[in-house]
Amino acid sequence: MKLLKVVSSAALSSAMLLTIASGAFAQASSPVAKEASGVSVTLDGKTTTFSSAEIDRLAAQNNVDANALRKAIESGPDEEGRFSPFSKLPQLKNDEVTTQKQLDQANEQRLSSTGEPLVRSKATSKSSSFSALSTISKTNQDSTAYNWTGNKTANGNWPALGICATHRQKDIGGSTYAPVIPFGKLISTNKDIWLPDGVGYKSDFTVDDTGSGPNRTAYWIDIFYNKDTQSAINYGVIKLDYTYTS
């Protein structure tokens, strides 16, 4: 009986050691997956943070790579002193056919920092001041939003809400730094676009700046959003039609 008791005790001790060892190995071989972190950007002393979930949602909404979006935001202003992450991001291949109705519904989910839709159908059909003049129309063009970084516009002015930037001629195959739509031209968009700081909805924007949008359409526009980084990033990439006088 004593021998059996000794053997049983030894077996129990061995079993306990084996269990402890197994647990240690199991713990080592199953590390907790680290979640992707959020990102922050500081512009003119103001820091704006986007959670990982927000980045993933924005990436899916705009059909871009989430990691590329994180990097673009963290990088801050570009070499020209402009902060416009979505101007540079290529959109992923998408074979799905999207109707205008579906696009409009998706755009309704793009909200400003204060909760208003960033783009909506025009409330009323305004009589255009272009009617007696020769107009140029651009359809299905990309639009993005950019923020204040303390720099003047390419036209030499301090940026103000209600302006936009375009490509330079050299960005679409030309040879000059002149904007593809001349400075001072007023463009009229087919949507009302929300602007911060009490401005509200506008559909007329003055060309006063240039930027680089290597993955955007030839007549892309970048709309100035002052210091409202949250709204500018939420804006993402939106397709617009617009007109301006020749």
C-alpha atoms as a PDB file:
ATOM      1  CA  MET A   1       0.000   0.000   0.000  1.00  0.00           C
ATOM      2  CA  LYS A   2       2.824   2.376   0.801  1.00  0.00           C
ATOM      3  CA  LEU A   3       4.440   1.577  -2.523  1.00  0.00           C
ATOM      4  CA  LEU A   4       1.191   2.232  -4.355  1.00  0.00           C
ATOM      5  CA  LYS A   5       0.788   5.513  -2.484  1.00  0.00           C
ATOM      6  CA  VAL A   6       4.288   6.606  -3.472  1.00  0.00           C
ATOM      7  CA  VAL A   7       3.765   5.672  -7.086  1.00  0.00           C
ATOM      8  CA  SER A   8       0.385   7.412  -7.151  1.00  0.00           C
ATOM      9  CA  SER A   9       1.883  10.561  -5.662  1.00  0.00           C
ATOM     10  CA  ALA A  10       4.688  10.517  -8.205  1.00  0.00           C
ATOM     11  CA  ALA A  11       2.207  10.037 -11.034  1.00  0.00           C
ATOM     12  CA  LEU A  12       0.116  12.918  -9.745  1.00  0.00           C
ATOM     13  CA  SER A  13       3.144  15.169  -9.509  1.00  0.00           C
ATOM     14  CA  SER A  14       4.161  14.257 -13.049  1.00  0.00           C
ATOM     15  CA  ALA A  15       0.645  14.950 -14.288  1.00  0.00           C
ATOM     16  CA  MET A  16       0.642  18.353 -12.614  1.00  0.00           C
ATOM     17  CA  LEU A  17       4.006  19.242 -14.116  1.00  0.00           C
ATOM     18  CA  LEU A  18       2.813  18.116 -17.540  1.00  0.00           C
ATOM     19  CA  THR A  19      -0.345  20.219 -17.213  1.00  0.00           C
ATOM     20  CA  ILE A  20       1.627  23.305 -16.165  1.00  0.00           C
ATOM     21  CA  ALA A  21       4.138  22.795 -18.952  1.00  0.00           C
ATOM     22  CA  SER A  22       1.384  22.235 -21.503  1.00  0.00           C
ATOM     23  CA  GLY A  23      -0.340  25.401 -20.367  1.00  0.00           C
ATOM     24  CA  ALA A  24       2.872  27.367 -20.688  1.00  0.00           C
ATOM     25  CA  PHE A  25       3.477  26.095 -24.211  1.00  0.00           C
ATOM     26  CA  ALA A  26      -0.136  26.696 -25.203  1.00  0.00           C
ATOM     27  CA  GLN A  27       0.066  30.261 -23.958  1.00  0.00           C
ATOM     28  CA  ALA A  28       3.277  30.882 -25.844  1.00  0.00           C
ATOM     29  CA  SER A  29       1.926  29.451 -29.106  1.00  0.00           C
ATOM     30  CA  SER A  30      -1.332  31.460 -29.019  1.00  0.00           C
ATOM     31  CA  PRO A  31      -0.420  35.125 -28.572  1.00  0.00           C
ATOM     32  CA  VAL A  32      -3.229  37.682 -28.472  1.00  0.00           C
ATOM     33  CA  ALA A  33      -3.563  39.340 -31.875  1.00  0.00           C
ATOM     34  CA  LYS A  34      -2.655  43.015 -31.764  1.00  0.00           C
ATOM     35  CA  GLU A  35      -5.350  45.273 -33.145  1.00  0.00           C
ATOM     36  CA  ALA A  36      -4.474  47.885 -35.743  1.00  0.00           C
ATOM     37  CA  SER A  37      -4.081  51.215 -34.017  1.00  0.00           C
ATOM     38  CA  GLY A  38      -5.765  54.494 -34.806  1.00  0.00           C
ATOM     39  CA  VAL A  39      -3.912  57.447 -36.315  1.00  0.00           C
ATOM     40  CA  SER A  40      -3.509  61.117 -35.448  1.00  0.00           C
ATOM     41  CA  VAL A  41      -2.491  64.211 -37.365  1.00  0.00           C
ATOM     42  CA  THR A  42      -1.620  67.633 -35.970  1.00  0.00           C
ATOM     43  CA  LEU A  43      -2.259  70.692 -38.148  1.00  0.00           C
ATOM     44  CA  ASP A  44      -1.659  74.222 -36.888  1.00  0.00           C
ATOM     45  CA  GLY A  45      -1.546  72.962 -33.304  1.00  0.00           C
ATOM     46  CA  LYS A  46      -4.816  71.007 -33.530  1.00  0.00           C
ATOM     47  CA  THR A  47      -4.645  67.204 -33.241  1.00  0.00           C
ATOM     48  CA  THR A  48      -7.349  65.047 -34.829  1.00  0.00           C
ATOM     49  CA  THR A  49      -7.475  61.320 -34.112  1.00  0.00           C
ATOM     50  CA  PHE A  50      -9.150  58.601 -36.148  1.00  0.00           C
ATOM     51  CA  SER A  51      -9.816  55.214 -34.574  1.00  0.00           C
ATOM     52  CA  SER A  52      -8.926  51.979 -36.337  1.00  0.00           C
ATOM     53  CA  ALA A  53     -12.621  51.322 -36.926  1.00  0.00           C
ATOM     54  CA  GLU A  54     -13.036  54.771 -38.513  1.00  0.00           C
ATOM     55  CA  ILE A  55     -10.088  54.178 -40.835  1.00  0.00           C
ATOM     56  CA  ASP A  56     -11.462  50.802 -41.911  1.00  0.00           C
ATOM     57  CA  ARG A  57     -14.902  52.329 -42.551  1.00  0.00           C
ATOM     58  CA  LEU A  58     -13.474  55.254 -44.537  1.00  0.00           C
ATOM     59  CA  ALA A  59     -11.258  52.941 -46.576  1.00  0.00           C
ATOM     60  CA  ALA A  60     -14.197  50.710 -47.473  1.00  0.00           C
ATOM     61  CA  GLN A  61     -16.451  53.690 -48.232  1.00  0.00           C
ATOM     62  CA  ASN A  62     -13.887  55.198 -50.616  1.00  0.00           C
ATOM     63  CA  ASN A  63     -12.550  51.914 -52.005  1.00  0.00           C
ATOM     64  CA  VAL A  64      -8.943  52.505 -50.904  1.00  0.00           C
ATOM     65  CA  ASP A  65      -6.448  50.462 -48.907  1.00  0.00           C
ATOM     66  CA  ALA A  66      -6.829  51.008 -45.152  1.00  0.00           C
ATOM     67  CA  ASN A  67      -3.092  50.859 -44.427  1.00  0.00           C
ATOM     68  CA  ALA A  68      -2.377  53.326 -47.234  1.00  0.00           C
ATOM     69  CA  LEU A  69      -4.971  55.678 -45.746  1.00  0.00           C
ATOM     70  CA  ARG A  70      -3.391  55.412 -42.277  1.00  0.00           C
ATOM     71  CA  LYS A  71       0.021  56.229 -43.734  1.00  0.00           C
ATOM     72  CA  ALA A  72      -1.343  59.157 -45.762  1.00  0.00           C
ATOM     73  CA  ILE A  73      -2.944  60.710 -42.680  1.00  0.00           C
ATOM     74  CA  GLU A  74       0.073  60.131 -40.427  1.00  0.00           C
ATOM     75  CA  SER A  75       2.399  61.661 -43.046  1.00  0.00           C
ATOM     76  CA  GLY A  76       0.728  65.053 -42.612  1.00  0.00           C
ATOM     77  CA  PRO A  77       1.104  67.809 -45.238  1.00  0.00           C
ATOM     78  CA  ASP A  78       2.732  66.824 -48.528  1.00  0.00           C
ATOM     79  CA  GLU A  79       5.860  68.309 -50.083  1.00  0.00           C
ATOM     80  CA  GLU A  80       3.788  71.273 -51.300  1.00  0.00           C
ATOM     81  CA  GLY A  81       2.516  72.010 -47.801  1.00  0.00           C
ATOM     82  CA  ARG A  82      -1.016  70.704 -48.455  1.00  0.00           C
ATOM     83  CA  PHE A  83      -2.914  68.165 -46.361  1.00  0.00           C
ATOM     84  CA  SER A  84      -5.194  66.233 -48.692  1.00  0.00           C
ATOM     85  CA  PRO A  85      -4.688  62.472 -48.146  1.00  0.00           C
ATOM     86  CA  PHE A  86      -7.415  61.303 -50.525  1.00  0.00           C
ATOM     87  CA  SER A  87      -5.848  63.288 -53.388  1.00  0.00           C
ATOM     88  CA  LYS A  88      -3.000  60.798 -53.528  1.00  0.00           C
ATOM     89  CA  LEU A  89      -4.633  57.448 -52.747  1.00  0.00           C
ATOM     90  CA  PRO A  90      -5.348  55.059 -55.640  1.00  0.00           C
ATOM     91  CA  GLN A  91      -8.729  53.418 -55.553  1.00  0.00           C
ATOM     92  CA  LEU A  92      -8.843  49.645 -55.528  1.00  0.00           C
ATOM     93  CA  LYS A  93     -10.140  47.655 -58.477  1.00  0.00           C
ATOM     94  CA  ASN A  94     -13.895  47.285 -58.248  1.00  0.00           C
ATOM     95  CA  ASP A  95     -15.858  45.330 -60.848  1.00  0.00           C
ATOM     96  CA  GLU A  96     -19.221  46.127 -59.294  1.00  0.00           C
ATOM     97  CA  VAL A  97     -21.532  48.395 -61.263  1.00  0.00           C
ATOM     98  CA  THR A  98     -22.772  51.214 -59.032  1.00  0.00           C
ATOM     99  CA  THR A  99     -25.871  53.184 -59.985  1.00  0.00           C
ATOM    100  CA  GLN A 100     -26.269  56.911 -59.345  1.00  0.00           C
ATOM    101  CA  LYS A 101     -28.955  56.117 -56.786  1.00  0.00           C
ATOM    102  CA  GLN A 102     -26.557  53.867 -54.890  1.00  0.00           C
ATOM    103  CA  LEU A 103     -23.865  56.561 -55.002  1.00  0.00           C
ATOM    104  CA  ASP A 104     -26.291  59.169 -53.687  1.00  0.00           C
ATOM    105  CA  GLN A 105     -27.342  56.848 -50.857  1.00  0.00           C
ATOM    106  CA  ALA A 106     -23.704  56.156 -49.965  1.00  0.00           C
ATOM    107  CA  ASN A 107     -22.892  59.873 -50.017  1.00  0.00           C
ATOM    108  CA  GLU A 108     -25.665  60.525 -47.501  1.00  0.00           C
ATOM    109  CA  GLN A 109     -23.585  58.534 -45.006  1.00  0.00           C
ATOM    110  CA  ARG A 110     -20.690  61.001 -45.278  1.00  0.00           C
ATOM    111  CA  LEU A 111     -21.219  63.275 -42.308  1.00  0.00           C
ATOM    112  CA  SER A 112     -19.496  66.455 -41.186  1.00  0.00           C
ATOM    113  CA  SER A 113     -17.908  66.817 -37.762  1.00  0.00           C
ATOM    114  CA  THR A 114     -21.223  68.297 -36.595  1.00  0.00           C
ATOM    115  CA  GLY A 115     -23.449  65.603 -38.096  1.00  0.00           C
ATOM    116  CA  GLU A 116     -24.728  67.189 -41.338  1.00  0.00           C
ATOM    117  CA  PRO A 117     -24.447  65.300 -44.640  1.00  0.00           C
ATOM    118  CA  LEU A 118     -21.369  66.582 -46.451  1.00  0.00           C
ATOM    119  CA  VAL A 119     -23.085  66.450 -49.837  1.00  0.00           C
ATOM    120  CA  ARG A 120     -26.735  66.592 -50.853  1.00  0.00           C
ATOM    121  CA  SER A 121     -28.935  67.247 -53.868  1.00  0.00           C
ATOM    122  CA  LYS A 122     -29.426  70.921 -54.617  1.00  0.00           C
ATOM    123  CA  ALA A 123     -32.313  72.257 -52.593  1.00  0.00           C
ATOM    124  CA  THR A 124     -33.522  74.487 -55.425  1.00  0.00           C
ATOM    125  CA  SER A 125     -32.638  74.915 -59.065  1.00  0.00           C
ATOM    126  CA  LYS A 126     -30.946  78.274 -59.209  1.00  0.00           C
ATOM    127  CA  SER A 127     -30.976  80.275 -62.431  1.00  0.00           C
ATOM    128  CA  SER A 128     -27.406  80.151 -63.609  1.00  0.00           C
ATOM    129  CA  SER A 129     -25.488  83.347 -64.283  1.00  0.00           C
ATOM    130  CA  PHE A 130     -23.697  81.322 -66.958  1.00  0.00           C
ATOM    131  CA  SER A 131     -26.807  81.051 -69.160  1.00  0.00           C
ATOM    132  CA  ALA A 132     -25.892  83.973 -71.423  1.00  0.00           C
ATOM    133  CA  LEU A 133     -22.263  82.929 -71.620  1.00  0.00           C
ATOM    134  CA  SER A 134     -20.380  80.053 -73.159  1.00  0.00           C
ATOM    135  CA  THR A 135     -20.006  77.314 -70.555  1.00  0.00           C
ATOM    136  CA  ILE A 136     -17.792  74.291 -70.190  1.00  0.00           C
ATOM    137  CA  SER A 137     -19.127  71.177 -68.495  1.00  0.00           C
ATOM    138  CA  LYS A 138     -17.143  68.482 -66.724  1.00  0.00           C
ATOM    139  CA  THR A 139     -18.882  65.284 -65.695  1.00  0.00           C
ATOM    140  CA  ASN A 140     -18.056  62.482 -63.279  1.00  0.00           C
ATOM    141  CA  GLN A 141     -15.013  64.252 -61.836  1.00  0.00           C
ATOM    142  CA  ASP A 142     -13.366  63.389 -58.527  1.00  0.00           C
ATOM    143  CA  SER A 143     -13.592  65.851 -55.659  1.00  0.00           C
ATOM    144  CA  THR A 144     -11.729  65.730 -52.346  1.00  0.00           C
ATOM    145  CA  ALA A 145     -11.156  68.122 -49.435  1.00  0.00           C
ATOM    146  CA  TYR A 146      -8.045  69.727 -47.961  1.00  0.00           C
ATOM    147  CA  ASN A 147      -7.097  71.578 -44.780  1.00  0.00           C
ATOM    148  CA  TRP A 148      -5.339  74.711 -43.625  1.00  0.00           C
ATOM    149  CA  THR A 149      -1.620  74.236 -43.060  1.00  0.00           C
ATOM    150  CA  GLY A 150      -0.548  77.892 -42.790  1.00  0.00           C
ATOM    151  CA  ASN A 151       0.322  78.337 -46.470  1.00  0.00           C
ATOM    152  CA  LYS A 152      -0.982  80.722 -49.094  1.00  0.00           C
ATOM    153  CA  THR A 153      -2.700  79.407 -52.197  1.00  0.00           C
ATOM    154  CA  ALA A 154      -0.890  78.958 -55.492  1.00  0.00           C
ATOM    155  CA  ASN A 155      -2.597  82.198 -56.557  1.00  0.00           C
ATOM    156  CA  GLY A 156      -0.871  84.050 -53.701  1.00  0.00           C
ATOM    157  CA  ASN A 157      -3.866  84.499 -51.402  1.00  0.00           C
ATOM    158  CA  TRP A 158      -4.677  83.281 -47.925  1.00  0.00           C
ATOM    159  CA  PRO A 159      -7.132  80.408 -48.412  1.00  0.00           C
ATOM    160  CA  ALA A 160     -10.774  81.018 -47.530  1.00  0.00           C
ATOM    161  CA  LEU A 161     -13.842  78.822 -47.385  1.00  0.00           C
ATOM    162  CA  GLY A 162     -15.437  78.737 -50.816  1.00  0.00           C
ATOM    163  CA  ILE A 163     -12.247  78.158 -52.831  1.00  0.00           C
ATOM    164  CA  CYS A 164     -10.988  75.003 -54.479  1.00  0.00           C
ATOM    165  CA  ALA A 165      -7.806  73.724 -56.065  1.00  0.00           C
ATOM    166  CA  THR A 166      -7.288  71.965 -59.402  1.00  0.00           C
ATOM    167  CA  HIS A 167      -4.476  70.168 -61.179  1.00  0.00           C
ATOM    168  CA  ARG A 168      -1.793  72.161 -62.944  1.00  0.00           C
ATOM    169  CA  GLN A 169      -1.441  71.780 -66.690  1.00  0.00           C
ATOM    170  CA  LYS A 170       1.736  69.767 -66.217  1.00  0.00           C
ATOM    171  CA  ASP A 171      -0.133  67.253 -64.044  1.00  0.00           C
ATOM    172  CA  ILE A 172      -2.276  66.143 -66.983  1.00  0.00           C
ATOM    173  CA  GLY A 173       0.335  66.180 -69.738  1.00  0.00           C
ATOM    174  CA  GLY A 174       0.915  69.909 -70.249  1.00  0.00           C
ATOM    175  CA  SER A 175       4.077  71.886 -69.620  1.00  0.00           C
ATOM    176  CA  THR A 176       3.079  74.772 -67.339  1.00  0.00           C
ATOM    177  CA  TYR A 177       2.151  75.272 -63.717  1.00  0.00           C
ATOM    178  CA  ALA A 178      -1.019  77.132 -64.688  1.00  0.00           C
ATOM    179  CA  PRO A 179      -4.201  75.549 -63.294  1.00  0.00           C
ATOM    180  CA  VAL A 180      -6.299  73.468 -65.695  1.00  0.00           C
ATOM    181  CA  ILE A 181      -9.156  75.864 -64.903  1.00  0.00           C
ATOM    182  CA  PRO A 182      -7.893  79.468 -64.698  1.00  0.00           C
ATOM    183  CA  PHE A 183      -7.633  81.212 -61.339  1.00  0.00           C
ATOM    184  CA  GLY A 184     -10.698  83.229 -60.489  1.00  0.00           C
ATOM    185  CA  LYS A 185     -13.128  81.018 -62.394  1.00  0.00           C
ATOM    186  CA  LEU A 186     -16.335  80.220 -60.531  1.00  0.00           C
ATOM    187  CA  ILE A 187     -17.390  76.614 -60.912  1.00  0.00           C
ATOM    188  CA  SER A 188     -20.941  75.479 -60.194  1.00  0.00           C
ATOM    189  CA  THR A 189     -21.350  71.905 -58.917  1.00  0.00           C
ATOM    190  CA  ASN A 190     -24.399  69.677 -59.341  1.00  0.00           C
ATOM    191  CA  LYS A 191     -24.507  69.041 -55.569  1.00  0.00           C
ATOM    192  CA  ASP A 192     -24.698  71.224 -52.487  1.00  0.00           C
ATOM    193  CA  ILE A 193     -21.558  70.746 -50.414  1.00  0.00           C
ATOM    194  CA  TRP A 194     -21.374  71.469 -46.697  1.00  0.00           C
ATOM    195  CA  LEU A 195     -18.590  73.749 -45.442  1.00  0.00           C
ATOM    196  CA  PRO A 196     -17.559  74.381 -41.803  1.00  0.00           C
ATOM    197  CA  ASP A 197     -17.399  77.494 -39.621  1.00  0.00           C
ATOM    198  CA  GLY A 198     -21.023  78.453 -40.176  1.00  0.00           C
ATOM    199  CA  VAL A 199     -20.829  78.641 -43.972  1.00  0.00           C
ATOM    200  CA  GLY A 200     -23.203  75.725 -44.564  1.00  0.00           C
ATOM    201  CA  TYR A 201     -24.091  74.448 -48.034  1.00  0.00           C
ATOM    202  CA  LYS A 202     -22.535  75.878 -51.198  1.00  0.00           C
ATOM    203  CA  SER A 203     -22.459  74.818 -54.828  1.00  0.00           C
ATOM    204  CA  ASP A 204     -20.242  77.590 -56.254  1.00  0.00           C
ATOM    205  CA  PHE A 205     -16.474  77.523 -55.708  1.00  0.00           C
ATOM    206  CA  THR A 206     -13.709  79.832 -56.900  1.00  0.00           C
ATOM    207  CA  VAL A 207     -10.518  78.313 -58.304  1.00  0.00           C
ATOM    208  CA  ASP A 208      -7.665  79.842 -56.282  1.00  0.00           C
ATOM    209  CA  ASP A 209      -5.226  77.009 -55.667  1.00  0.00           C
ATOM    210  CA  THR A 210      -3.499  74.055 -57.293  1.00  0.00           C
ATOM    211  CA  GLY A 211      -2.548  70.667 -55.967  1.00  0.00           C
ATOM    212  CA  SER A 212      -1.408  67.236 -57.000  1.00  0.00           C
ATOM    213  CA  GLY A 213      -3.923  64.436 -57.369  1.00  0.00           C
ATOM    214  CA  PRO A 214      -2.000  61.741 -59.253  1.00  0.00           C
ATOM    215  CA  ASN A 215      -4.776  59.178 -58.806  1.00  0.00           C
ATOM    216  CA  ARG A 216      -7.680  61.517 -59.445  1.00  0.00           C
ATOM    217  CA  THR A 217      -9.502  62.479 -62.651  1.00  0.00           C
ATOM    218  CA  ALA A 218      -8.041  65.172 -64.929  1.00  0.00           C
ATOM    219  CA  TYR A 219     -10.511  67.836 -63.774  1.00  0.00           C
ATOM    220  CA  TRP A 220     -10.536  66.842 -60.107  1.00  0.00           C
ATOM    221  CA  ILE A 221     -11.200  69.606 -57.600  1.00  0.00           C
ATOM    222  CA  ASP A 222      -9.953  69.842 -54.008  1.00  0.00           C
ATOM    223  CA  ILE A 223     -12.277  71.868 -51.761  1.00  0.00           C
ATOM    224  CA  PHE A 224     -10.848  73.929 -48.894  1.00  0.00           C
ATOM    225  CA  TYR A 225     -12.120  72.924 -45.431  1.00  0.00           C
ATOM    226  CA  ASN A 226     -10.042  75.257 -43.255  1.00  0.00           C
ATOM    227  CA  LYS A 227      -9.183  73.527 -39.929  1.00  0.00           C
ATOM    228  CA  ASP A 228     -12.016  70.976 -39.911  1.00  0.00           C
ATOM    229  CA  THR A 229      -9.840  67.907 -40.481  1.00  0.00           C
ATOM    230  CA  GLN A 230     -12.537  65.471 -39.373  1.00  0.00           C
ATOM    231  CA  SER A 231     -14.958  66.693 -42.044  1.00  0.00           C
ATOM    232  CA  ALA A 232     -12.291  66.838 -44.748  1.00  0.00           C
ATOM    233  CA  ILE A 233     -11.308  63.212 -44.155  1.00  0.00           C
ATOM    234  CA  ASN A 234     -14.946  62.127 -43.882  1.00  0.00           C
ATOM    235  CA  TYR A 235     -15.543  63.782 -47.272  1.00  0.00           C
ATOM    236  CA  GLY A 236     -13.228  61.244 -48.919  1.00  0.00           C
ATOM    237  CA  VAL A 237     -13.653  61.056 -52.705  1.00  0.00           C
ATOM    238  CA  ILE A 238     -16.973  62.167 -54.214  1.00  0.00           C
ATOM    239  CA  LYS A 239     -17.894  62.265 -57.908  1.00  0.00           C
ATOM    240  CA  LEU A 240     -19.296  65.603 -59.110  1.00  0.00           C
ATOM    241  CA  ASP A 241     -20.458  67.275 -62.313  1.00  0.00           C
ATOM    242  CA  TYR A 242     -19.801  70.992 -62.680  1.00  0.00           C
ATOM    243  CA  THR A 243     -19.763  73.886 -65.118  1.00  0.00           C
ATOM    244  CA  TYR A 244     -17.760  77.104 -65.517  1.00  0.00           C
ATOM    245  CA  THR A 245     -17.521  79.875 -68.093  1.00  0.00           C
ATOM    246  CA  SER A 246     -14.983  79.656 -70.894  1.00  0.00           C
END
